[in-house]
């Protein structure tokens, strides 16, 4: 992802946000998704970076509000939402994909 966005001239801070969001989605899929190796798809089209992480579980992740400051987990998807422009889930035949999109800085 870093090489792809660097070739497109993306700002390093924006790329760092995308890397953190990808890490959060990948770790969630690995921990909770029932797949030993979640599938990651990264595409850059028309100045929009789209990252999708697929796993074998049909269960959609719960979007917690993050208000429990003492919780040891449950902040990852909130972080993804705060770092990206769009975020969502898609059902698949064999599980689901959780994705985000990030627009190139103007």
PDB file of N, CA and C in Angstrom:
ATOM      1  N   UNK A   1       0.820  -1.173   0.000  1.00  0.00           N
ATOM      2  CA  UNK A   1       0.000   0.000   0.000  1.00  0.00           C
ATOM      3  C   UNK A   1       0.879   1.259   0.000  1.00  0.00           C
ATOM      4  N   UNK A   2       1.924   1.226   0.767  1.00  0.00           N
ATOM      5  CA  UNK A   2       2.815   2.386   0.845  1.00  0.00           C
ATOM      6  C   UNK A   2       3.415   2.703  -0.524  1.00  0.00           C
ATOM      7  N   UNK A   3       3.858   1.667  -1.231  1.00  0.00           N
ATOM      8  CA  UNK A   3       4.456   1.881  -2.554  1.00  0.00           C
ATOM      9  C   UNK A   3       3.425   2.422  -3.545  1.00  0.00           C
ATOM     10  N   UNK A   4       2.231   1.867  -3.510  1.00  0.00           N
ATOM     11  CA  UNK A   4       1.163   2.293  -4.412  1.00  0.00           C
ATOM     12  C   UNK A   4       0.809   3.761  -4.193  1.00  0.00           C
ATOM     13  N   UNK A   5       0.637   4.155  -2.947  1.00  0.00           N
ATOM     14  CA  UNK A   5       0.270   5.541  -2.651  1.00  0.00           C
ATOM     15  C   UNK A   5       1.446   6.496  -2.870  1.00  0.00           C
ATOM     16  N   UNK A   6       2.662   6.024  -2.628  1.00  0.00           N
ATOM     17  CA  UNK A   6       3.842   6.874  -2.862  1.00  0.00           C
ATOM     18  C   UNK A   6       3.976   7.198  -4.343  1.00  0.00           C
ATOM     19  N   UNK A   7       3.753   6.192  -5.197  1.00  0.00           N
ATOM     20  CA  UNK A   7       3.826   6.428  -6.640  1.00  0.00           C
ATOM     21  C   UNK A   7       2.764   7.423  -7.103  1.00  0.00           C
ATOM     22  N   UNK A   8       1.645   7.456  -6.369  1.00  0.00           N
ATOM     23  CA  UNK A   8       0.565   8.385  -6.717  1.00  0.00           C
ATOM     24  C   UNK A   8       0.750   9.755  -6.066  1.00  0.00           C
ATOM     25  N   UNK A   9       1.817   9.911  -5.274  1.00  0.00           N
ATOM     26  CA  UNK A   9       2.117  11.204  -4.673  1.00  0.00           C
ATOM     27  C   UNK A   9       1.317  11.547  -3.432  1.00  0.00           C
ATOM     28  N   UNK A  10       0.834  10.538  -2.727  1.00  0.00           N
ATOM     29  CA  UNK A  10       0.042  10.789  -1.525  1.00  0.00           C
ATOM     30  C   UNK A  10       0.909  11.310  -0.387  1.00  0.00           C
ATOM     31  N   UNK A  11       0.311  12.143   0.449  1.00  0.00           N
ATOM     32  CA  UNK A  11       0.948  12.684   1.641  1.00  0.00           C
ATOM     33  C   UNK A  11       1.270  11.555   2.623  1.00  0.00           C
ATOM     34  N   UNK A  12       2.435  11.594   3.238  1.00  0.00           N
ATOM     35  CA  UNK A  12       2.878  10.536   4.156  1.00  0.00           C
ATOM     36  C   UNK A  12       1.946  10.378   5.352  1.00  0.00           C
ATOM     37  N   UNK A  13       1.378  11.472   5.861  1.00  0.00           N
ATOM     38  CA  UNK A  13       0.462  11.375   7.003  1.00  0.00           C
ATOM     39  C   UNK A  13      -0.822  10.643   6.623  1.00  0.00           C
ATOM     40  N   UNK A  14      -1.316  10.886   5.417  1.00  0.00           N
ATOM     41  CA  UNK A  14      -2.515  10.207   4.938  1.00  0.00           C
ATOM     42  C   UNK A  14      -2.245   8.717   4.755  1.00  0.00           C
ATOM     43  N   UNK A  15      -1.074   8.395   4.248  1.00  0.00           N
ATOM     44  CA  UNK A  15      -0.682   6.988   4.088  1.00  0.00           C
ATOM     45  C   UNK A  15      -0.573   6.319   5.456  1.00  0.00           C
ATOM     46  N   UNK A  16      -0.028   7.013   6.437  1.00  0.00           N
ATOM     47  CA  UNK A  16       0.074   6.458   7.794  1.00  0.00           C
ATOM     48  C   UNK A  16      -1.311   6.173   8.362  1.00  0.00           C
ATOM     49  N   UNK A  17      -2.283   7.059   8.123  1.00  0.00           N
ATOM     50  CA  UNK A  17      -3.659   6.812   8.571  1.00  0.00           C
ATOM     51  C   UNK A  17      -4.214   5.549   7.924  1.00  0.00           C
ATOM     52  N   UNK A  18      -3.967   5.385   6.627  1.00  0.00           N
ATOM     53  CA  UNK A  18      -4.446   4.198   5.914  1.00  0.00           C
ATOM     54  C   UNK A  18      -3.800   2.934   6.470  1.00  0.00           C
ATOM     55  N   UNK A  19      -2.524   3.000   6.800  1.00  0.00           N
ATOM     56  CA  UNK A  19      -1.833   1.830   7.355  1.00  0.00           C
ATOM     57  C   UNK A  19      -2.399   1.439   8.713  1.00  0.00           C
ATOM     58  N   UNK A  20      -2.702   2.418   9.553  1.00  0.00           N
ATOM     59  CA  UNK A  20      -3.295   2.123  10.863  1.00  0.00           C
ATOM     60  C   UNK A  20      -4.674   1.498  10.678  1.00  0.00           C
ATOM     61  N   UNK A  21      -5.479   2.054   9.780  1.00  0.00           N
ATOM     62  CA  UNK A  21      -6.814   1.516   9.531  1.00  0.00           C
ATOM     63  C   UNK A  21      -6.735   0.084   9.003  1.00  0.00           C
ATOM     64  N   UNK A  22      -5.818  -0.169   8.075  1.00  0.00           N
ATOM     65  CA  UNK A  22      -5.627  -1.523   7.554  1.00  0.00           C
ATOM     66  C   UNK A  22      -5.224  -2.481   8.666  1.00  0.00           C
ATOM     67  N   UNK A  23      -4.308  -2.081   9.498  1.00  0.00           N
ATOM     68  CA  UNK A  23      -3.871  -2.935  10.604  1.00  0.00           C
ATOM     69  C   UNK A  23      -5.040  -3.284  11.516  1.00  0.00           C
ATOM     70  N   UNK A  24      -5.867  -2.314  11.848  1.00  0.00           N
ATOM     71  CA  UNK A  24      -7.022  -2.565  12.715  1.00  0.00           C
ATOM     72  C   UNK A  24      -7.980  -3.568  12.080  1.00  0.00           C
ATOM     73  N   UNK A  25      -8.292  -3.391  10.791  1.00  0.00           N
ATOM     74  CA  UNK A  25      -9.206  -4.321  10.126  1.00  0.00           C
ATOM     75  C   UNK A  25      -8.608  -5.714  10.025  1.00  0.00           C
ATOM     76  N   UNK A  26      -7.320  -5.795   9.711  1.00  0.00           N
ATOM     77  CA  UNK A  26      -6.673  -7.101   9.582  1.00  0.00           C
ATOM     78  C   UNK A  26      -6.661  -7.839  10.918  1.00  0.00           C
ATOM     79  N   UNK A  27      -6.295  -7.160  11.982  1.00  0.00           N
ATOM     80  CA  UNK A  27      -6.242  -7.802  13.303  1.00  0.00           C
ATOM     81  C   UNK A  27      -7.637  -8.252  13.726  1.00  0.00           C
ATOM     82  N   UNK A  28      -8.659  -7.431  13.483  1.00  0.00           N
ATOM     83  CA  UNK A  28     -10.027  -7.844  13.809  1.00  0.00           C
ATOM     84  C   UNK A  28     -10.421  -9.096  13.035  1.00  0.00           C
ATOM     85  N   UNK A  29     -10.118  -9.127  11.740  1.00  0.00           N
ATOM     86  CA  UNK A  29     -10.460 -10.294  10.922  1.00  0.00           C
ATOM     87  C   UNK A  29      -9.714 -11.529  11.396  1.00  0.00           C
ATOM     88  N   UNK A  30      -8.473 -11.375  11.738  1.00  0.00           N
ATOM     89  CA  UNK A  30      -7.660 -12.501  12.197  1.00  0.00           C
ATOM     90  C   UNK A  30      -8.154 -13.020  13.552  1.00  0.00           C
ATOM     91  N   UNK A  31      -8.472 -12.122  14.460  1.00  0.00           N
ATOM     92  CA  UNK A  31      -8.923 -12.531  15.799  1.00  0.00           C
ATOM     93  C   UNK A  31     -10.335 -13.087  15.815  1.00  0.00           C
ATOM     94  N   UNK A  32     -11.231 -12.453  15.067  1.00  0.00           N
ATOM     95  CA  UNK A  32     -12.651 -12.759  15.207  1.00  0.00           C
ATOM     96  C   UNK A  32     -13.290 -13.366  13.963  1.00  0.00           C
ATOM     97  N   UNK A  33     -12.581 -13.410  12.851  1.00  0.00           N
ATOM     98  CA  UNK A  33     -13.206 -13.761  11.583  1.00  0.00           C
ATOM     99  C   UNK A  33     -13.185 -15.208  11.177  1.00  0.00           C
ATOM    100  N   UNK A  34     -12.524 -16.055  11.927  1.00  0.00           N
ATOM    101  CA  UNK A  34     -12.524 -17.461  11.588  1.00  0.00           C
ATOM    102  C   UNK A  34     -11.639 -17.833  10.412  1.00  0.00           C
ATOM    103  N   UNK A  35     -10.718 -16.967  10.034  1.00  0.00           N
ATOM    104  CA  UNK A  35      -9.797 -17.255   8.937  1.00  0.00           C
ATOM    105  C   UNK A  35      -8.365 -17.146   9.434  1.00  0.00           C
ATOM    106  N   UNK A  36      -7.560 -18.129   9.081  1.00  0.00           N
ATOM    107  CA  UNK A  36      -6.151 -18.073   9.474  1.00  0.00           C
ATOM    108  C   UNK A  36      -5.423 -16.957   8.732  1.00  0.00           C
ATOM    109  N   UNK A  37      -5.875 -16.672   7.519  1.00  0.00           N
ATOM    110  CA  UNK A  37      -5.225 -15.634   6.711  1.00  0.00           C
ATOM    111  C   UNK A  37      -6.299 -14.794   6.021  1.00  0.00           C
ATOM    112  N   UNK A  38      -6.730 -13.692   6.640  1.00  0.00           N
ATOM    113  CA  UNK A  38      -7.712 -12.828   5.989  1.00  0.00           C
ATOM    114  C   UNK A  38      -7.190 -12.321   4.643  1.00  0.00           C
ATOM    115  N   UNK A  39      -8.103 -12.128   3.712  1.00  0.00           N
ATOM    116  CA  UNK A  39      -7.757 -11.644   2.378  1.00  0.00           C
ATOM    117  C   UNK A  39      -7.803 -10.118   2.364  1.00  0.00           C
ATOM    118  N   UNK A  40      -6.728  -9.495   1.924  1.00  0.00           N
ATOM    119  CA  UNK A  40      -6.644  -8.038   1.842  1.00  0.00           C
ATOM    120  C   UNK A  40      -6.589  -7.638   0.369  1.00  0.00           C
ATOM    121  N   UNK A  41      -7.462  -6.710  -0.018  1.00  0.00           N
ATOM    122  CA  UNK A  41      -7.468  -6.171  -1.376  1.00  0.00           C
ATOM    123  C   UNK A  41      -7.308  -4.661  -1.267  1.00  0.00           C
ATOM    124  N   UNK A  42      -6.330  -4.132  -1.994  1.00  0.00           N
ATOM    125  CA  UNK A  42      -6.036  -2.700  -1.972  1.00  0.00           C
ATOM    126  C   UNK A  42      -6.133  -2.178  -3.399  1.00  0.00           C
ATOM    127  N   UNK A  43      -6.934  -1.122  -3.586  1.00  0.00           N
ATOM    128  CA  UNK A  43      -7.093  -0.533  -4.914  1.00  0.00           C
ATOM    129  C   UNK A  43      -7.028   0.984  -4.810  1.00  0.00           C
ATOM    130  N   UNK A  44      -6.407   1.594  -5.793  1.00  0.00           N
ATOM    131  CA  UNK A  44      -6.334   3.049  -5.870  1.00  0.00           C
ATOM    132  C   UNK A  44      -6.916   3.463  -7.212  1.00  0.00           C
ATOM    133  N   UNK A  45      -8.097   4.067  -7.174  1.00  0.00           N
ATOM    134  CA  UNK A  45      -8.800   4.461  -8.394  1.00  0.00           C
ATOM    135  C   UNK A  45      -9.308   5.889  -8.253  1.00  0.00           C
ATOM    136  N   UNK A  46      -9.031   6.714  -9.232  1.00  0.00           N
ATOM    137  CA  UNK A  46      -9.528   8.096  -9.242  1.00  0.00           C
ATOM    138  C   UNK A  46      -9.287   8.816  -7.922  1.00  0.00           C
ATOM    139  N   UNK A  47      -8.091   8.725  -7.402  1.00  0.00           N
ATOM    140  CA  UNK A  47      -7.682   9.421  -6.177  1.00  0.00           C
ATOM    141  C   UNK A  47      -8.409   8.929  -4.931  1.00  0.00           C
ATOM    142  N   UNK A  48      -8.956   7.725  -4.985  1.00  0.00           N
ATOM    143  CA  UNK A  48      -9.602   7.114  -3.824  1.00  0.00           C
ATOM    144  C   UNK A  48      -8.911   5.784  -3.548  1.00  0.00           C
ATOM    145  N   UNK A  49      -8.426   5.637  -2.326  1.00  0.00           N
ATOM    146  CA  UNK A  49      -7.840   4.376  -1.885  1.00  0.00           C
ATOM    147  C   UNK A  49      -8.942   3.561  -1.234  1.00  0.00           C
ATOM    148  N   UNK A  50      -9.140   2.331  -1.716  1.00  0.00           N
ATOM    149  CA  UNK A  50     -10.131   1.429  -1.113  1.00  0.00           C
ATOM    150  C   UNK A  50      -9.387   0.198  -0.626  1.00  0.00           C
ATOM    151  N   UNK A  51      -9.589  -0.118   0.639  1.00  0.00           N
ATOM    152  CA  UNK A  51      -8.968  -1.281   1.264  1.00  0.00           C
ATOM    153  C   UNK A  51     -10.083  -2.155   1.806  1.00  0.00           C
ATOM    154  N   UNK A  52     -10.030  -3.437   1.483  1.00  0.00           N
ATOM    155  CA  UNK A  52     -11.033  -4.395   1.927  1.00  0.00           C
ATOM    156  C   UNK A  52     -10.329  -5.578   2.580  1.00  0.00           C
ATOM    157  N   UNK A  53     -10.843  -6.004   3.729  1.00  0.00           N
ATOM    158  CA  UNK A  53     -10.307  -7.166   4.431  1.00  0.00           C
ATOM    159  C   UNK A  53     -11.448  -8.165   4.586  1.00  0.00           C
ATOM    160  N   UNK A  54     -11.282  -9.356   4.011  1.00  0.00           N
ATOM    161  CA  UNK A  54     -12.322 -10.384   4.031  1.00  0.00           C
ATOM    162  C   UNK A  54     -11.923 -11.530   4.940  1.00  0.00           C
ATOM    163  N   UNK A  55     -12.937 -12.092   5.606  1.00  0.00           N
ATOM    164  CA  UNK A  55     -12.706 -13.256   6.456  1.00  0.00           C
ATOM    165  C   UNK A  55     -13.871 -14.228   6.308  1.00  0.00           C
ATOM    166  N   UNK A  56     -13.800 -15.362   6.996  1.00  0.00           N
ATOM    167  CA  UNK A  56     -14.780 -16.418   6.846  1.00  0.00           C
ATOM    168  C   UNK A  56     -16.008 -16.315   7.720  1.00  0.00           C
ATOM    169  N   UNK A  57     -16.110 -15.312   8.553  1.00  0.00           N
ATOM    170  CA  UNK A  57     -17.247 -15.174   9.456  1.00  0.00           C
ATOM    171  C   UNK A  57     -18.324 -14.281   8.844  1.00  0.00           C
ATOM    172  N   UNK A  58     -19.594 -14.715   8.918  1.00  0.00           N
ATOM    173  CA  UNK A  58     -20.669 -13.858   8.421  1.00  0.00           C
ATOM    174  C   UNK A  58     -21.073 -12.776   9.425  1.00  0.00           C
ATOM    175  N   UNK A  59     -20.541 -12.843  10.630  1.00  0.00           N
ATOM    176  CA  UNK A  59     -20.939 -11.915  11.694  1.00  0.00           C
ATOM    177  C   UNK A  59     -20.318 -10.542  11.452  1.00  0.00           C
ATOM    178  N   UNK A  60     -21.181  -9.538  11.360  1.00  0.00           N
ATOM    179  CA  UNK A  60     -20.733  -8.162  11.135  1.00  0.00           C
ATOM    180  C   UNK A  60     -20.176  -7.611  12.445  1.00  0.00           C
ATOM    181  N   UNK A  61     -19.043  -6.923  12.398  1.00  0.00           N
ATOM    182  CA  UNK A  61     -18.465  -6.382  13.626  1.00  0.00           C
ATOM    183  C   UNK A  61     -19.400  -5.372  14.286  1.00  0.00           C
ATOM    184  N   UNK A  62     -19.396  -5.389  15.594  1.00  0.00           N
ATOM    185  CA  UNK A  62     -20.219  -4.459  16.364  1.00  0.00           C
ATOM    186  C   UNK A  62     -19.511  -3.115  16.426  1.00  0.00           C
ATOM    187  N   UNK A  63     -20.226  -2.081  16.083  1.00  0.00           N
ATOM    188  CA  UNK A  63     -19.666  -0.727  16.158  1.00  0.00           C
ATOM    189  C   UNK A  63     -19.961  -0.164  17.543  1.00  0.00           C
ATOM    190  N   UNK A  64     -18.988  -0.249  18.399  1.00  0.00           N
ATOM    191  CA  UNK A  64     -19.142   0.284  19.749  1.00  0.00           C
ATOM    192  C   UNK A  64     -18.887   1.779  19.735  1.00  0.00           C
ATOM    193  N   UNK A  65     -19.443   2.458  20.737  1.00  0.00           N
ATOM    194  CA  UNK A  65     -19.258   3.913  20.774  1.00  0.00           C
ATOM    195  C   UNK A  65     -17.944   4.325  21.418  1.00  0.00           C
ATOM    196  N   UNK A  66     -17.260   3.393  22.081  1.00  0.00           N
ATOM    197  CA  UNK A  66     -15.965   3.693  22.672  1.00  0.00           C
ATOM    198  C   UNK A  66     -16.032   4.495  23.952  1.00  0.00           C
ATOM    199  N   UNK A  67     -17.225   4.590  24.537  1.00  0.00           N
ATOM    200  CA  UNK A  67     -17.368   5.410  25.737  1.00  0.00           C
ATOM    201  C   UNK A  67     -16.793   4.749  26.984  1.00  0.00           C
ATOM    202  N   UNK A  68     -16.594   3.429  26.949  1.00  0.00           N
ATOM    203  CA  UNK A  68     -16.010   2.743  28.102  1.00  0.00           C
ATOM    204  C   UNK A  68     -14.494   2.888  28.042  1.00  0.00           C
ATOM    205  N   UNK A  69     -13.982   3.867  28.737  1.00  0.00           N
ATOM    206  CA  UNK A  69     -12.554   4.173  28.674  1.00  0.00           C
ATOM    207  C   UNK A  69     -11.680   3.112  29.325  1.00  0.00           C
ATOM    208  N   UNK A  70     -12.274   2.233  30.138  1.00  0.00           N
ATOM    209  CA  UNK A  70     -11.500   1.189  30.807  1.00  0.00           C
ATOM    210  C   UNK A  70     -11.509  -0.134  30.045  1.00  0.00           C
ATOM    211  N   UNK A  71     -12.270  -0.211  28.964  1.00  0.00           N
ATOM    212  CA  UNK A  71     -12.332  -1.441  28.172  1.00  0.00           C
ATOM    213  C   UNK A  71     -10.972  -1.720  27.537  1.00  0.00           C
ATOM    214  N   UNK A  72     -10.610  -3.009  27.491  1.00  0.00           N
ATOM    215  CA  UNK A  72      -9.314  -3.381  26.909  1.00  0.00           C
ATOM    216  C   UNK A  72      -9.399  -3.583  25.394  1.00  0.00           C
ATOM    217  N   UNK A  73     -10.605  -3.575  24.851  1.00  0.00           N
ATOM    218  CA  UNK A  73     -10.772  -3.708  23.405  1.00  0.00           C
ATOM    219  C   UNK A  73     -12.017  -2.928  22.990  1.00  0.00           C
ATOM    220  N   UNK A  74     -12.275  -2.926  21.696  1.00  0.00           N
ATOM    221  CA  UNK A  74     -13.490  -2.295  21.206  1.00  0.00           C
ATOM    222  C   UNK A  74     -13.314  -0.895  20.645  1.00  0.00           C
ATOM    223  N   UNK A  75     -12.093  -0.456  20.490  1.00  0.00           N
ATOM    224  CA  UNK A  75     -11.862   0.887  19.960  1.00  0.00           C
ATOM    225  C   UNK A  75     -11.378   0.882  18.506  1.00  0.00           C
ATOM    226  N   UNK A  76     -11.057  -0.271  17.969  1.00  0.00           N
ATOM    227  CA  UNK A  76     -10.454  -0.348  16.640  1.00  0.00           C
ATOM    228  C   UNK A  76     -11.322   0.186  15.524  1.00  0.00           C
ATOM    229  N   UNK A  77     -12.597  -0.206  15.487  1.00  0.00           N
ATOM    230  CA  UNK A  77     -13.466   0.260  14.410  1.00  0.00           C
ATOM    231  C   UNK A  77     -13.772   1.744  14.547  1.00  0.00           C
ATOM    232  N   UNK A  78     -13.843   2.221  15.764  1.00  0.00           N
ATOM    233  CA  UNK A  78     -14.017   3.661  15.981  1.00  0.00           C
ATOM    234  C   UNK A  78     -12.804   4.418  15.425  1.00  0.00           C
ATOM    235  N   UNK A  79     -11.635   3.864  15.641  1.00  0.00           N
ATOM    236  CA  UNK A  79     -10.414   4.467  15.106  1.00  0.00           C
ATOM    237  C   UNK A  79     -10.440   4.468  13.577  1.00  0.00           C
ATOM    238  N   UNK A  80     -10.856   3.353  12.985  1.00  0.00           N
ATOM    239  CA  UNK A  80     -10.949   3.270  11.519  1.00  0.00           C
ATOM    240  C   UNK A  80     -11.900   4.345  10.999  1.00  0.00           C
ATOM    241  N   UNK A  81     -13.065   4.484  11.642  1.00  0.00           N
ATOM    242  CA  UNK A  81     -14.027   5.511  11.217  1.00  0.00           C
ATOM    243  C   UNK A  81     -13.430   6.913  11.305  1.00  0.00           C
ATOM    244  N   UNK A  82     -12.634   7.153  12.339  1.00  0.00           N
ATOM    245  CA  UNK A  82     -12.083   8.499  12.521  1.00  0.00           C
ATOM    246  C   UNK A  82     -10.950   8.812  11.535  1.00  0.00           C
ATOM    247  N   UNK A  83     -10.277   7.795  11.034  1.00  0.00           N
ATOM    248  CA  UNK A  83      -9.132   8.005  10.144  1.00  0.00           C
ATOM    249  C   UNK A  83      -9.489   7.996   8.661  1.00  0.00           C
ATOM    250  N   UNK A  84     -10.670   7.491   8.328  1.00  0.00           N
ATOM    251  CA  UNK A  84     -11.016   7.286   6.921  1.00  0.00           C
ATOM    252  C   UNK A  84     -12.227   8.125   6.522  1.00  0.00           C
ATOM    253  N   UNK A  85     -12.468   8.200   5.221  1.00  0.00           N
ATOM    254  CA  UNK A  85     -13.601   8.982   4.721  1.00  0.00           C
ATOM    255  C   UNK A  85     -14.893   8.172   4.658  1.00  0.00           C
ATOM    256  N   UNK A  86     -14.778   6.885   4.388  1.00  0.00           N
ATOM    257  CA  UNK A  86     -15.938   5.996   4.341  1.00  0.00           C
ATOM    258  C   UNK A  86     -15.523   4.643   4.888  1.00  0.00           C
ATOM    259  N   UNK A  87     -16.506   3.922   5.458  1.00  0.00           N
ATOM    260  CA  UNK A  87     -16.225   2.658   6.129  1.00  0.00           C
ATOM    261  C   UNK A  87     -17.503   1.838   6.108  1.00  0.00           C
ATOM    262  N   UNK A  88     -17.385   0.523   5.880  1.00  0.00           N
ATOM    263  CA  UNK A  88     -18.579  -0.300   5.880  1.00  0.00           C
ATOM    264  C   UNK A  88     -18.266  -1.781   5.811  1.00  0.00           C
ATOM    265  N   UNK A  89     -19.335  -2.573   5.652  1.00  0.00           N
ATOM    266  CA  UNK A  89     -19.203  -4.024   5.543  1.00  0.00           C
ATOM    267  C   UNK A  89     -20.019  -4.511   4.348  1.00  0.00           C
ATOM    268  N   UNK A  90     -19.619  -5.655   3.818  1.00  0.00           N
ATOM    269  CA  UNK A  90     -20.335  -6.309   2.730  1.00  0.00           C
ATOM    270  C   UNK A  90     -20.388  -7.797   3.025  1.00  0.00           C
ATOM    271  N   UNK A  91     -21.579  -8.380   2.873  1.00  0.00           N
ATOM    272  CA  UNK A  91     -21.718  -9.826   3.033  1.00  0.00           C
ATOM    273  C   UNK A  91     -21.141 -10.521   1.809  1.00  0.00           C
ATOM    274  N   UNK A  92     -20.535 -11.670   2.027  1.00  0.00           N
ATOM    275  CA  UNK A  92     -19.957 -12.490   0.962  1.00  0.00           C
ATOM    276  C   UNK A  92     -20.524 -13.905   1.088  1.00  0.00           C
ATOM    277  N   UNK A  93     -20.344 -14.706   0.054  1.00  0.00           N
ATOM    278  CA  UNK A  93     -20.798 -16.100   0.115  1.00  0.00           C
ATOM    279  C   UNK A  93     -20.151 -16.839   1.270  1.00  0.00           C
ATOM    280  N   UNK A  94     -18.893 -16.570   1.491  1.00  0.00           N
ATOM    281  CA  UNK A  94     -18.171 -17.288   2.545  1.00  0.00           C
ATOM    282  C   UNK A  94     -17.639 -16.309   3.591  1.00  0.00           C
ATOM    283  N   UNK A  95     -18.515 -15.484   4.127  1.00  0.00           N
ATOM    284  CA  UNK A  95     -18.098 -14.573   5.181  1.00  0.00           C
ATOM    285  C   UNK A  95     -18.486 -13.143   4.878  1.00  0.00           C
ATOM    286  N   UNK A  96     -17.545 -12.240   5.135  1.00  0.00           N
ATOM    287  CA  UNK A  96     -17.808 -10.820   4.939  1.00  0.00           C
ATOM    288  C   UNK A  96     -16.523 -10.092   4.596  1.00  0.00           C
ATOM    289  N   UNK A  97     -16.694  -8.869   4.138  1.00  0.00           N
ATOM    290  CA  UNK A  97     -15.577  -7.949   3.939  1.00  0.00           C
ATOM    291  C   UNK A  97     -15.870  -6.686   4.728  1.00  0.00           C
ATOM    292  N   UNK A  98     -14.857  -6.177   5.365  1.00  0.00           N
ATOM    293  CA  UNK A  98     -14.934  -4.877   6.018  1.00  0.00           C
ATOM    294  C   UNK A  98     -13.993  -3.975   5.235  1.00  0.00           C
ATOM    295  N   UNK A  99     -14.452  -2.790   4.875  1.00  0.00           N
ATOM    296  CA  UNK A  99     -13.688  -1.952   3.966  1.00  0.00           C
ATOM    297  C   UNK A  99     -13.653  -0.510   4.450  1.00  0.00           C
ATOM    298  N   UNK A 100     -12.695   0.226   3.903  1.00  0.00           N
ATOM    299  CA  UNK A 100     -12.683   1.672   4.088  1.00  0.00           C
ATOM    300  C   UNK A 100     -12.184   2.329   2.817  1.00  0.00           C
ATOM    301  N   UNK A 101     -12.529   3.594   2.674  1.00  0.00           N
ATOM    302  CA  UNK A 101     -12.032   4.406   1.574  1.00  0.00           C
ATOM    303  C   UNK A 101     -11.430   5.677   2.137  1.00  0.00           C
ATOM    304  N   UNK A 102     -10.392   6.122   1.473  1.00  0.00           N
ATOM    305  CA  UNK A 102      -9.688   7.336   1.867  1.00  0.00           C
ATOM    306  C   UNK A 102      -9.451   8.153   0.602  1.00  0.00           C
ATOM    307  N   UNK A 103      -9.856   9.410   0.641  1.00  0.00           N
ATOM    308  CA  UNK A 103      -9.677  10.295  -0.507  1.00  0.00           C
ATOM    309  C   UNK A 103      -8.308  10.949  -0.451  1.00  0.00           C
ATOM    310  N   UNK A 104      -7.700  11.107  -1.616  1.00  0.00           N
ATOM    311  CA  UNK A 104      -6.422  11.818  -1.690  1.00  0.00           C
ATOM    312  C   UNK A 104      -6.639  13.258  -1.259  1.00  0.00           C
ATOM    313  N   UNK A 105      -5.655  13.823  -0.595  1.00  0.00           N
ATOM    314  CA  UNK A 105      -5.754  15.219  -0.167  1.00  0.00           C
ATOM    315  C   UNK A 105      -5.796  16.122  -1.390  1.00  0.00           C
ATOM    316  N   UNK A 106      -6.602  17.142  -1.299  1.00  0.00           N
ATOM    317  CA  UNK A 106      -6.741  18.067  -2.436  1.00  0.00           C
ATOM    318  C   UNK A 106      -5.557  19.007  -2.527  1.00  0.00           C
TER     319      UNK A 106
END
